[in-house]
Amino acid sequence: MPPLGGKDEACLHVVHMDGTRPVQVTGIQGDVSEAHEVAAAVSGAHVVIHTAGLVDVFGRASPETIYKVNVQGTQNVVEACVQTGTRFLVYTSSMEVVGPNIKGHPFYRGNEDTPYEAVHEHPYPHSKAQAERLVLEANGRMVHGGLPLVTCALRPTGIYGEGHQIMRDFYHQGLRLGGRLFRAIPASVEHGRVYVGNVAWMHVLVARELEHRAALMGGQVYFCYDKSPYKSYEDFNMEFLGPCGLRLVGTRPLLPYWLLVLLATLNALLQWLLRPLLLYAPLLNPYTLVVANTTFTVSTNKAQRHFGYEPLFSWEDSRTRTILWMQGMDSSAQ
């Protein structure tokens, strides 16, 4: 079972899991945007888990680069499966394929069939929506050897856990501000979050079951989440930042929303003006502001019904693991 991962690289790990010997992993490093490299990596695979993607909502990469990695890279993976006779493809999509949309419409305890106007302007969600569509439309294509390709896509909500770069950024920001973070989002705004270990576990379950339940799972999408509590981004992050010595100041946002809109717009303008000279990629921009201020939560048992998904890690365990990672990061920096 080979997962295809990395950012703009294809890092293929061929995993043997026949139950009679230790797990064996072979790493093959390459560029997901190079079709011949992807085809060489996929050759001989039974299942491909395609996790490769350039996740960028801050403007660090150009729209062209995001498209090249996320859309063209995914097309290369699909074609590699067809050419090499690989029949099963699992794609790591994103909740941002659905939303929040640019209009700030709430998505409250929705499921895979909940009507929602998915309106995208930012390159990242737009590219993920295109890539997901490529994967789902490829379901049923005949691969080399004459059998049909079976595909499905998983849509994780906001992922957290060990190694989370944005959590690390907020932690260091709080340290620079004397152990304080200032509330910018109303506490009433809720977001769905999912622990990284449960995201990985859902991928493993899908890879195991896709062949046996092809008629049911082929061409389907599944929200990927767990029992993590619904909270605003800031209040949720404080579940980990608080035990590390940071505190969230204020019961209401420090700045009015109209001023945040102005600042976000100014950041976007500065980013555009400075791009030829230097990289300016602040956390606040029009897209991240809308996402942070829009309720987006899911409630669905489709994954449980279709392939028996239950979170491998409880909320308590996920929280403890993340806190221990952050505390270890703190001690290593001293």
Protein backbone atom coordinates (compact mmCIF):
# COMPACT_ATOMS: atom_id res chain seq x y z
CA MET A 1 0.00 0.00 0.00
CA PRO A 2 1.98 3.04 -1.17
CA PRO A 3 1.07 6.53 0.06
CA LEU A 4 2.10 9.40 -2.17
CA GLY A 5 2.99 12.34 0.02
CA GLY A 6 5.04 15.45 0.58
CA LYS A 7 4.42 19.00 -0.53
CA ASP A 8 5.57 19.65 -4.08
CA GLU A 9 7.42 16.34 -4.02
CA ALA A 10 6.15 12.82 -4.46
CA CYS A 11 7.48 10.80 -1.58
CA LEU A 12 6.31 7.24 -2.19
CA HIS A 13 6.46 4.72 0.61
CA VAL A 14 5.79 1.15 -0.49
CA VAL A 15 4.41 -0.64 2.56
CA HIS A 16 4.14 -4.43 2.82
CA MET A 17 1.47 -5.53 5.31
CA ASP A 18 0.76 -9.21 4.80
CA GLY A 19 0.73 -10.05 8.51
CA THR A 20 3.61 -12.52 8.22
CA ARG A 21 6.58 -10.16 8.44
CA PRO A 22 7.48 -6.75 9.84
CA VAL A 23 6.23 -3.73 7.94
CA GLN A 24 8.69 -2.75 5.21
CA VAL A 25 8.83 0.80 3.88
CA THR A 26 10.69 1.91 0.78
CA GLY A 27 11.06 5.65 0.14
CA ILE A 28 11.12 6.99 -3.40
CA GLN A 29 11.60 10.75 -3.65
CA GLY A 30 10.53 12.67 -6.71
CA ASP A 31 8.43 15.55 -8.04
CA VAL A 32 4.68 15.00 -8.21
CA SER A 33 4.43 17.49 -11.05
CA GLU A 34 6.68 15.29 -13.24
CA ALA A 35 4.45 12.65 -14.81
CA HIS A 36 7.23 10.16 -15.57
CA GLU A 37 8.50 10.25 -11.98
CA VAL A 38 5.02 9.63 -10.61
CA ALA A 39 4.43 6.74 -13.01
CA ALA A 40 7.73 5.13 -12.02
CA ALA A 41 6.87 5.45 -8.33
CA VAL A 42 3.32 4.09 -8.70
CA SER A 43 4.37 1.12 -10.84
CA GLY A 44 3.63 -2.11 -9.01
CA ALA A 45 1.38 -0.53 -6.42
CA HIS A 46 -1.94 -2.06 -5.39
CA VAL A 47 -3.31 1.01 -3.57
CA VAL A 48 -2.15 4.63 -3.81
CA ILE A 49 -2.86 7.10 -1.02
CA HIS A 50 -2.31 10.48 -2.64
CA THR A 51 -1.50 13.00 0.09
CA ALA A 52 0.85 15.21 -1.92
CA GLY A 53 -0.27 18.83 -1.86
CA LEU A 54 0.92 22.37 -1.47
CA VAL A 55 -1.07 23.80 1.45
CA ASP A 56 -0.74 27.56 1.30
CA VAL A 57 -3.38 30.07 2.39
CA PHE A 58 -0.88 32.82 3.23
CA GLY A 59 0.53 33.58 -0.22
CA ARG A 60 3.96 32.04 0.20
CA ALA A 61 3.64 30.29 -3.17
CA SER A 62 2.37 31.63 -6.47
CA PRO A 63 -1.04 30.54 -7.80
CA GLU A 64 0.79 28.89 -10.70
CA THR A 65 2.87 26.75 -8.33
CA ILE A 66 -0.18 25.77 -6.29
CA TYR A 67 -1.99 24.69 -9.48
CA LYS A 68 1.05 22.79 -10.74
CA VAL A 69 1.37 20.76 -7.56
CA ASN A 70 -2.25 20.28 -6.52
CA VAL A 71 -4.05 19.98 -9.85
CA GLN A 72 -1.46 18.85 -12.39
CA GLY A 73 0.18 16.65 -9.77
CA THR A 74 -3.14 14.94 -9.06
CA GLN A 75 -3.78 14.46 -12.77
CA ASN A 76 -0.36 12.81 -12.99
CA VAL A 77 -1.26 10.43 -10.17
CA VAL A 78 -4.55 9.47 -11.84
CA GLU A 79 -2.84 8.87 -15.18
CA ALA A 80 -0.07 6.88 -13.50
CA CYS A 81 -2.68 4.58 -11.97
CA VAL A 82 -4.32 4.10 -15.37
CA GLN A 83 -1.01 3.43 -17.14
CA THR A 84 0.40 1.03 -14.55
CA GLY A 85 -2.79 -0.89 -13.78
CA THR A 86 -3.09 0.35 -10.21
CA ARG A 87 -6.76 -0.01 -9.34
CA PHE A 88 -7.30 1.78 -6.03
CA LEU A 89 -6.71 5.47 -5.34
CA VAL A 90 -7.42 7.35 -2.10
CA TYR A 91 -7.10 11.13 -2.27
CA THR A 92 -6.49 13.47 0.66
CA SER A 93 -8.82 16.34 -0.10
CA SER A 94 -9.88 19.10 2.33
CA MET A 95 -12.96 20.58 3.94
CA GLU A 96 -12.00 23.75 2.06
CA VAL A 97 -13.23 22.08 -1.12
CA VAL A 98 -16.64 22.87 0.36
CA GLY A 99 -15.90 25.93 2.46
CA PRO A 100 -16.08 28.20 4.27
CA ASN A 101 -17.04 30.15 1.18
CA ILE A 102 -15.97 33.73 0.49
CA LYS A 103 -19.43 34.97 1.55
CA GLY A 104 -18.97 33.73 5.11
CA HIS A 105 -22.01 31.46 5.09
CA PRO A 106 -22.01 29.14 8.14
CA PHE A 107 -21.89 25.37 7.74
CA TYR A 108 -23.33 24.01 11.00
CA ARG A 109 -23.08 20.26 11.72
CA GLY A 110 -23.29 19.53 8.00
CA ASN A 111 -22.65 16.27 6.19
CA GLU A 112 -21.48 15.22 2.73
CA ASP A 113 -24.92 15.92 1.25
CA THR A 114 -25.68 19.24 2.97
CA PRO A 115 -26.43 21.95 0.37
CA TYR A 116 -23.81 24.69 0.50
CA GLU A 117 -22.67 27.28 -2.01
CA ALA A 118 -18.99 26.45 -2.49
CA VAL A 119 -17.58 29.70 -3.86
CA HIS A 120 -13.78 29.87 -4.13
CA GLU A 121 -11.45 32.66 -5.15
CA HIS A 122 -8.29 31.79 -3.22
CA PRO A 123 -5.88 29.55 -5.22
CA TYR A 124 -5.59 26.86 -2.54
CA PRO A 125 -9.26 25.82 -2.05
CA HIS A 126 -9.87 26.33 -5.76
CA SER A 127 -7.02 23.93 -6.60
CA LYS A 128 -8.17 21.33 -4.07
CA ALA A 129 -11.69 21.43 -5.50
CA GLN A 130 -10.32 20.89 -9.00
CA ALA A 131 -8.08 18.05 -7.85
CA GLU A 132 -10.86 16.30 -5.97
CA ARG A 133 -13.07 16.51 -9.03
CA LEU A 134 -10.34 14.87 -11.13
CA VAL A 135 -10.09 11.98 -8.69
CA LEU A 136 -13.84 11.37 -8.40
CA GLU A 137 -14.41 11.64 -12.14
CA ALA A 138 -11.67 9.05 -12.68
CA ASN A 139 -13.68 6.45 -10.74
CA GLY A 140 -14.59 3.67 -13.17
CA ARG A 141 -11.90 4.45 -15.78
CA MET A 142 -10.31 1.34 -17.20
CA VAL A 143 -6.71 0.88 -16.13
CA HIS A 144 -4.03 -1.12 -17.90
CA GLY A 145 -5.27 -4.71 -17.83
CA GLY A 146 -8.91 -3.84 -18.39
CA LEU A 147 -10.22 -3.45 -14.84
CA PRO A 148 -11.91 -0.31 -13.46
CA LEU A 149 -10.14 2.26 -11.29
CA VAL A 150 -11.79 2.76 -7.89
CA THR A 151 -11.31 6.16 -6.24
CA CYS A 152 -12.55 8.09 -3.25
CA ALA A 153 -11.62 11.31 -1.40
CA LEU A 154 -11.29 12.21 2.28
CA ARG A 155 -11.99 15.76 3.46
CA PRO A 156 -10.23 16.44 6.78
CA THR A 157 -11.48 19.35 8.84
CA GLY A 158 -8.80 21.53 10.47
CA ILE A 159 -5.93 19.17 11.30
CA TYR A 160 -3.96 19.57 14.52
CA GLY A 161 -1.35 17.54 16.38
CA GLU A 162 2.38 17.02 16.63
CA GLY A 163 4.41 19.08 14.17
CA HIS A 164 1.59 21.54 13.41
CA GLN A 165 3.38 24.57 11.97
CA ILE A 166 0.63 27.13 12.57
CA MET A 167 0.31 26.02 16.21
CA ARG A 168 4.06 26.49 16.51
CA ASP A 169 3.76 29.97 14.98
CA PHE A 170 1.05 30.99 17.45
CA TYR A 171 3.12 29.68 20.33
CA HIS A 172 6.17 31.74 19.35
CA GLN A 173 3.95 34.76 18.73
CA GLY A 174 2.58 34.42 22.26
CA LEU A 175 6.08 34.22 23.68
CA ARG A 176 7.03 37.44 21.88
CA LEU A 177 3.98 39.12 23.43
CA GLY A 178 4.92 38.15 26.96
CA GLY A 179 2.87 34.96 27.14
CA ARG A 180 -0.31 36.57 25.83
CA LEU A 181 -2.47 36.17 22.77
CA PHE A 182 -5.24 38.66 22.07
CA ARG A 183 -8.66 37.45 20.99
CA ALA A 184 -9.49 38.32 17.40
CA ILE A 185 -12.38 35.91 16.75
CA PRO A 186 -15.76 35.80 18.53
CA ALA A 187 -15.97 32.79 20.84
CA SER A 188 -19.35 31.96 19.26
CA VAL A 189 -17.69 30.95 15.97
CA GLU A 190 -17.20 27.17 15.87
CA HIS A 191 -14.82 25.07 13.81
CA GLY A 192 -14.39 21.34 13.39
CA ARG A 193 -10.91 20.02 14.14
CA VAL A 194 -9.39 16.56 13.75
CA TYR A 195 -6.28 14.97 15.26
CA VAL A 196 -3.62 14.03 12.73
CA GLY A 197 -3.47 10.44 13.99
CA ASN A 198 -7.16 9.96 13.28
CA VAL A 199 -6.72 11.38 9.79
CA ALA A 200 -4.00 8.82 9.14
CA TRP A 201 -6.16 6.06 10.61
CA MET A 202 -9.09 6.86 8.33
CA HIS A 203 -6.76 6.65 5.33
CA VAL A 204 -5.56 3.22 6.45
CA LEU A 205 -9.12 1.96 6.85
CA VAL A 206 -10.13 3.24 3.41
CA ALA A 207 -7.08 1.65 1.79
CA ARG A 208 -7.97 -1.68 3.44
CA GLU A 209 -11.64 -1.63 2.50
CA LEU A 210 -11.76 0.06 -0.90
CA GLU A 211 -11.20 -3.16 -2.85
CA HIS A 212 -13.81 -5.13 -0.91
CA ARG A 213 -16.44 -2.37 -0.96
CA ALA A 214 -15.72 -0.83 -4.34
CA ALA A 215 -19.35 -0.60 -5.37
CA LEU A 216 -20.23 1.29 -2.18
CA MET A 217 -17.14 3.47 -1.72
CA GLY A 218 -16.07 4.17 -5.31
CA GLY A 219 -16.53 7.83 -6.29
CA GLN A 220 -17.49 8.84 -2.74
CA VAL A 221 -16.28 11.65 -0.48
CA TYR A 222 -16.00 11.42 3.30
CA PHE A 223 -15.56 14.16 5.87
CA CYS A 224 -12.67 13.23 8.11
CA TYR A 225 -13.07 14.30 11.74
CA ASP A 226 -13.25 12.89 15.26
CA LYS A 227 -14.58 13.74 18.71
CA SER A 228 -12.51 16.91 19.13
CA PRO A 229 -14.72 19.69 20.58
CA TYR A 230 -16.28 22.37 18.40
CA LYS A 231 -14.71 25.71 19.34
CA SER A 232 -13.32 28.83 17.72
CA TYR A 233 -9.78 28.45 16.38
CA GLU A 234 -8.41 30.54 19.23
CA ASP A 235 -10.26 28.75 22.03
CA PHE A 236 -9.37 25.38 20.56
CA ASN A 237 -5.69 26.29 20.23
CA MET A 238 -5.67 27.36 23.87
CA GLU A 239 -6.39 23.74 24.82
CA PHE A 240 -2.70 23.22 24.01
CA LEU A 241 -1.19 26.66 24.36
CA GLY A 242 -2.68 27.21 27.83
CA PRO A 243 -0.82 24.29 29.46
CA CYS A 244 2.35 25.68 27.85
CA GLY A 245 2.02 28.96 29.73
CA LEU A 246 0.12 31.18 27.30
CA ARG A 247 -3.16 32.93 28.01
CA LEU A 248 -5.85 34.36 25.75
CA VAL A 249 -6.70 37.94 26.65
CA GLY A 250 -10.27 39.22 26.37
CA THR A 251 -13.75 37.78 26.16
CA ARG A 252 -14.44 39.77 22.98
CA PRO A 253 -12.28 40.49 19.93
CA LEU A 254 -9.70 43.18 20.64
CA LEU A 255 -10.38 44.88 17.29
CA PRO A 256 -13.72 45.43 15.53
CA TYR A 257 -14.36 43.28 12.48
CA TRP A 258 -14.35 46.22 10.07
CA LEU A 259 -10.83 47.10 11.18
CA LEU A 260 -9.68 43.50 10.69
CA VAL A 261 -11.12 43.60 7.17
CA LEU A 262 -9.14 46.79 6.54
CA LEU A 263 -5.94 45.27 7.90
CA ALA A 264 -6.42 42.06 5.91
CA THR A 265 -6.98 44.05 2.72
CA LEU A 266 -3.90 46.15 3.44
CA ASN A 267 -1.84 42.98 3.96
CA ALA A 268 -3.04 41.63 0.61
CA LEU A 269 -2.10 44.89 -1.10
CA LEU A 270 1.33 44.94 0.52
CA GLN A 271 1.89 41.33 -0.47
CA TRP A 272 1.11 42.15 -4.09
CA LEU A 273 3.33 45.24 -4.10
CA LEU A 274 6.28 43.57 -2.37
CA ARG A 275 6.21 40.22 -4.18
CA PRO A 276 8.83 41.23 -6.80
CA LEU A 277 11.20 42.27 -3.99
CA LEU A 278 10.55 39.98 -1.00
CA LEU A 279 8.17 37.43 0.45
CA TYR A 280 5.51 39.01 2.67
CA ALA A 281 3.09 36.37 3.93
CA PRO A 282 1.24 37.49 7.09
CA LEU A 283 -1.20 35.20 8.89
CA LEU A 284 -4.03 37.71 8.32
CA ASN A 285 -5.39 38.13 4.81
CA PRO A 286 -8.94 38.34 3.41
CA TYR A 287 -9.21 34.57 3.00
CA THR A 288 -7.91 33.57 6.44
CA LEU A 289 -10.09 36.24 8.04
CA VAL A 290 -13.26 34.80 6.48
CA VAL A 291 -12.28 31.24 7.35
CA ALA A 292 -11.53 32.11 10.98
CA ASN A 293 -14.80 34.04 11.41
CA THR A 294 -17.13 31.53 9.76
CA THR A 295 -18.64 28.57 11.60
CA PHE A 296 -17.80 25.33 9.81
CA THR A 297 -18.57 22.09 11.63
CA VAL A 298 -19.47 18.63 10.38
CA SER A 299 -21.56 15.85 11.88
CA THR A 300 -21.79 12.66 9.85
CA ASN A 301 -21.47 8.92 10.29
CA LYS A 302 -20.98 8.14 6.60
CA ALA A 303 -17.40 6.92 7.14
CA GLN A 304 -18.56 4.70 9.98
CA ARG A 305 -21.40 3.26 7.91
CA HIS A 306 -19.34 2.65 4.78
CA PHE A 307 -16.10 1.26 6.20
CA GLY A 308 -16.35 1.13 9.97
CA TYR A 309 -14.40 4.25 10.89
CA GLU A 310 -14.09 5.08 14.58
CA PRO A 311 -11.40 7.46 15.88
CA LEU A 312 -8.28 5.57 16.94
CA PHE A 313 -7.29 8.34 19.37
CA SER A 314 -9.72 9.84 21.87
CA TRP A 315 -9.93 13.61 22.39
CA GLU A 316 -8.15 13.23 25.73
CA ASP A 317 -5.32 11.24 24.16
CA SER A 318 -5.07 13.60 21.17
CA ARG A 319 -4.92 16.60 23.49
CA THR A 320 -2.28 15.03 25.72
CA ARG A 321 -0.09 14.03 22.78
CA THR A 322 -0.24 17.52 21.30
CA ILE A 323 0.52 19.20 24.64
CA LEU A 324 3.51 16.91 25.23
CA TRP A 325 4.85 17.76 21.78
CA MET A 326 4.52 21.48 22.45
CA GLN A 327 6.14 21.20 25.87
CA GLY A 328 8.97 19.22 24.32
CA MET A 329 9.37 21.92 21.69
CA ASP A 330 9.57 24.50 24.45
CA SER A 331 12.26 22.61 26.38
CA SER A 332 14.31 21.96 23.28
CA ALA A 333 14.38 25.70 22.51
CA GLN A 334 15.83 26.52 25.93
